[in-house]
Amino acid sequence: MPSLPTAARQSFGNVAPKLAELSDEVLFGDIWERPELSKRDRSLVTCAVLITLGKTEQMNFHFPRAIENGVTHDELVELTTHLAFYVGWPQAMSAVSKLRELFPASTK
């Protein structure tokens, strides 16, 4: 029985099959599985970098993944607030917009 296509292969495998293979096997199959950092910590680091670089499109995948990996919504908000003073207000505002979009039930 063939396995289901991974998220990478579904998302961009038809355009960049080697990149999808590397994403599956190296990034998520090796790097994310290394025991030196927990997946929760890797998610926090990844989200911090995405906020820093203003990569809102990638937040669509990594913010929900962070929640799956044990980061709370409140922690993502606090991460964004903290980073506003280190990486810039516009990056933080973009991240807040993405948080609102991805987690509308969490807005107070």
C-alpha atoms as a PDB file:
ATOM      1  CA  MET A   1       0.000   0.000   0.000  1.00  0.00           C
ATOM      2  CA  PRO A   2       1.575   3.332  -1.019  1.00  0.00           C
ATOM      3  CA  SER A   3       1.957   5.960   1.677  1.00  0.00           C
ATOM      4  CA  LEU A   4       0.029   9.209   1.513  1.00  0.00           C
ATOM      5  CA  PRO A   5       1.873  12.165  -0.006  1.00  0.00           C
ATOM      6  CA  THR A   6       3.523  14.372   2.583  1.00  0.00           C
ATOM      7  CA  ALA A   7       2.563  18.013   3.044  1.00  0.00           C
ATOM      8  CA  ALA A   8       5.680  19.070   1.119  1.00  0.00           C
ATOM      9  CA  ARG A   9       4.888  16.796  -1.809  1.00  0.00           C
ATOM     10  CA  GLN A  10       1.270  17.953  -1.879  1.00  0.00           C
ATOM     11  CA  SER A  11       2.221  21.615  -1.596  1.00  0.00           C
ATOM     12  CA  PHE A  12       5.082  21.901  -4.076  1.00  0.00           C
ATOM     13  CA  GLY A  13       6.264  18.439  -5.100  1.00  0.00           C
ATOM     14  CA  ASN A  14       4.936  18.829  -8.628  1.00  0.00           C
ATOM     15  CA  VAL A  15       6.936  22.061  -9.087  1.00  0.00           C
ATOM     16  CA  ALA A  16      10.105  21.223  -7.145  1.00  0.00           C
ATOM     17  CA  PRO A  17      10.214  17.463  -6.475  1.00  0.00           C
ATOM     18  CA  LYS A  18      13.819  17.428  -5.219  1.00  0.00           C
ATOM     19  CA  LEU A  19      13.090  20.269  -2.781  1.00  0.00           C
ATOM     20  CA  ALA A  20      10.051  18.337  -1.500  1.00  0.00           C
ATOM     21  CA  GLU A  21      12.215  15.220  -1.094  1.00  0.00           C
ATOM     22  CA  LEU A  22      14.882  17.181   0.810  1.00  0.00           C
ATOM     23  CA  SER A  23      12.205  18.800   2.980  1.00  0.00           C
ATOM     24  CA  ASP A  24      10.771  15.412   3.872  1.00  0.00           C
ATOM     25  CA  GLU A  25      13.966  13.451   4.319  1.00  0.00           C
ATOM     26  CA  VAL A  26      16.536  15.963   5.548  1.00  0.00           C
ATOM     27  CA  LEU A  27      14.662  18.853   7.165  1.00  0.00           C
ATOM     28  CA  PHE A  28      11.730  17.010   8.761  1.00  0.00           C
ATOM     29  CA  GLY A  29      13.159  13.483   8.684  1.00  0.00           C
ATOM     30  CA  ASP A  30      16.534  14.349  10.224  1.00  0.00           C
ATOM     31  CA  ILE A  31      16.955  17.909  11.535  1.00  0.00           C
ATOM     32  CA  TRP A  32      13.562  18.159  13.287  1.00  0.00           C
ATOM     33  CA  GLU A  33      14.120  14.702  14.820  1.00  0.00           C
ATOM     34  CA  ARG A  34      17.502  15.404  16.416  1.00  0.00           C
ATOM     35  CA  PRO A  35      17.237  14.983  20.205  1.00  0.00           C
ATOM     36  CA  GLU A  36      19.425  17.953  21.156  1.00  0.00           C
ATOM     37  CA  LEU A  37      16.428  20.307  20.932  1.00  0.00           C
ATOM     38  CA  SER A  38      12.797  19.416  21.520  1.00  0.00           C
ATOM     39  CA  LYS A  39      10.309  19.973  18.710  1.00  0.00           C
ATOM     40  CA  ARG A  40       8.741  22.640  20.923  1.00  0.00           C
ATOM     41  CA  ASP A  41      12.054  24.505  21.140  1.00  0.00           C
ATOM     42  CA  ARG A  42      12.679  24.079  17.412  1.00  0.00           C
ATOM     43  CA  SER A  43       9.235  25.549  16.757  1.00  0.00           C
ATOM     44  CA  LEU A  44       9.938  28.564  18.977  1.00  0.00           C
ATOM     45  CA  VAL A  45      13.242  29.180  17.194  1.00  0.00           C
ATOM     46  CA  THR A  46      11.664  28.745  13.775  1.00  0.00           C
ATOM     47  CA  CYS A  47       8.773  31.095  14.574  1.00  0.00           C
ATOM     48  CA  ALA A  48      11.213  33.682  15.936  1.00  0.00           C
ATOM     49  CA  VAL A  49      13.233  33.574  12.739  1.00  0.00           C
ATOM     50  CA  LEU A  50      10.126  33.818  10.549  1.00  0.00           C
ATOM     51  CA  ILE A  51       8.941  36.858  12.515  1.00  0.00           C
ATOM     52  CA  THR A  52      12.407  38.404  12.311  1.00  0.00           C
ATOM     53  CA  LEU A  53      12.559  37.950   8.552  1.00  0.00           C
ATOM     54  CA  GLY A  54       8.912  38.889   7.990  1.00  0.00           C
ATOM     55  CA  LYS A  55       8.182  35.578   6.268  1.00  0.00           C
ATOM     56  CA  THR A  56       4.424  35.629   6.814  1.00  0.00           C
ATOM     57  CA  GLU A  57       3.664  33.015   4.156  1.00  0.00           C
ATOM     58  CA  GLN A  58       5.742  30.447   6.059  1.00  0.00           C
ATOM     59  CA  MET A  59       3.937  31.347   9.291  1.00  0.00           C
ATOM     60  CA  ASN A  60       0.838  29.668   7.821  1.00  0.00           C
ATOM     61  CA  PHE A  61       2.582  26.332   8.297  1.00  0.00           C
ATOM     62  CA  HIS A  62       4.848  26.945  11.263  1.00  0.00           C
ATOM     63  CA  PHE A  63       2.520  28.761  13.698  1.00  0.00           C
ATOM     64  CA  PRO A  64      -0.018  25.889  13.760  1.00  0.00           C
ATOM     65  CA  ARG A  65       2.852  23.378  13.840  1.00  0.00           C
ATOM     66  CA  ALA A  66       4.242  25.189  16.889  1.00  0.00           C
ATOM     67  CA  ILE A  67       0.878  24.723  18.620  1.00  0.00           C
ATOM     68  CA  GLU A  68       1.005  21.008  17.721  1.00  0.00           C
ATOM     69  CA  ASN A  69       4.509  20.869  19.198  1.00  0.00           C
ATOM     70  CA  GLY A  70       3.383  22.270  22.550  1.00  0.00           C
ATOM     71  CA  VAL A  71       3.833  26.030  22.149  1.00  0.00           C
ATOM     72  CA  THR A  72       0.749  27.872  23.394  1.00  0.00           C
ATOM     73  CA  HIS A  73      -1.018  30.675  21.591  1.00  0.00           C
ATOM     74  CA  ASP A  74      -0.117  32.985  24.465  1.00  0.00           C
ATOM     75  CA  GLU A  75       3.543  32.062  24.044  1.00  0.00           C
ATOM     76  CA  LEU A  76       3.420  32.911  20.326  1.00  0.00           C
ATOM     77  CA  VAL A  77       1.898  36.278  21.220  1.00  0.00           C
ATOM     78  CA  GLU A  78       4.549  36.875  23.873  1.00  0.00           C
ATOM     79  CA  LEU A  79       7.291  35.858  21.446  1.00  0.00           C
ATOM     80  CA  THR A  80       5.945  38.393  18.970  1.00  0.00           C
ATOM     81  CA  THR A  81       5.761  41.127  21.610  1.00  0.00           C
ATOM     82  CA  HIS A  82       9.301  40.418  22.772  1.00  0.00           C
ATOM     83  CA  LEU A  83      10.667  40.423  19.227  1.00  0.00           C
ATOM     84  CA  ALA A  84       9.029  43.754  18.395  1.00  0.00           C
ATOM     85  CA  PHE A  85      11.777  45.461  20.385  1.00  0.00           C
ATOM     86  CA  TYR A  86      14.610  43.487  18.831  1.00  0.00           C
ATOM     87  CA  VAL A  87      13.630  42.988  15.187  1.00  0.00           C
ATOM     88  CA  GLY A  88      11.170  45.794  14.510  1.00  0.00           C
ATOM     89  CA  TRP A  89       7.611  46.891  14.952  1.00  0.00           C
ATOM     90  CA  PRO A  90       6.533  46.128  11.349  1.00  0.00           C
ATOM     91  CA  GLN A  91       7.652  42.483  11.638  1.00  0.00           C
ATOM     92  CA  ALA A  92       5.719  42.128  14.898  1.00  0.00           C
ATOM     93  CA  MET A  93       2.606  43.719  13.405  1.00  0.00           C
ATOM     94  CA  SER A  94       2.777  41.333  10.439  1.00  0.00           C
ATOM     95  CA  ALA A  95       3.050  38.396  12.829  1.00  0.00           C
ATOM     96  CA  VAL A  96       0.086  39.667  14.880  1.00  0.00           C
ATOM     97  CA  SER A  97      -1.984  39.891  11.698  1.00  0.00           C
ATOM     98  CA  LYS A  98      -1.040  36.327  10.850  1.00  0.00           C
ATOM     99  CA  LEU A  99      -1.877  35.139  14.381  1.00  0.00           C
ATOM    100  CA  ARG A 100      -5.293  36.805  14.120  1.00  0.00           C
ATOM    101  CA  GLU A 101      -5.875  35.177  10.733  1.00  0.00           C
ATOM    102  CA  LEU A 102      -4.757  31.693  11.788  1.00  0.00           C
ATOM    103  CA  PHE A 103      -6.323  31.641  15.261  1.00  0.00           C
ATOM    104  CA  PRO A 104      -9.435  33.859  15.139  1.00  0.00           C
ATOM    105  CA  ALA A 105     -10.998  32.134  18.152  1.00  0.00           C
ATOM    106  CA  SER A 106      -7.983  33.080  20.281  1.00  0.00           C
ATOM    107  CA  THR A 107      -8.379  36.824  19.843  1.00  0.00           C
ATOM    108  CA  LYS A 108      -9.802  38.513  22.893  1.00  0.00           C
END
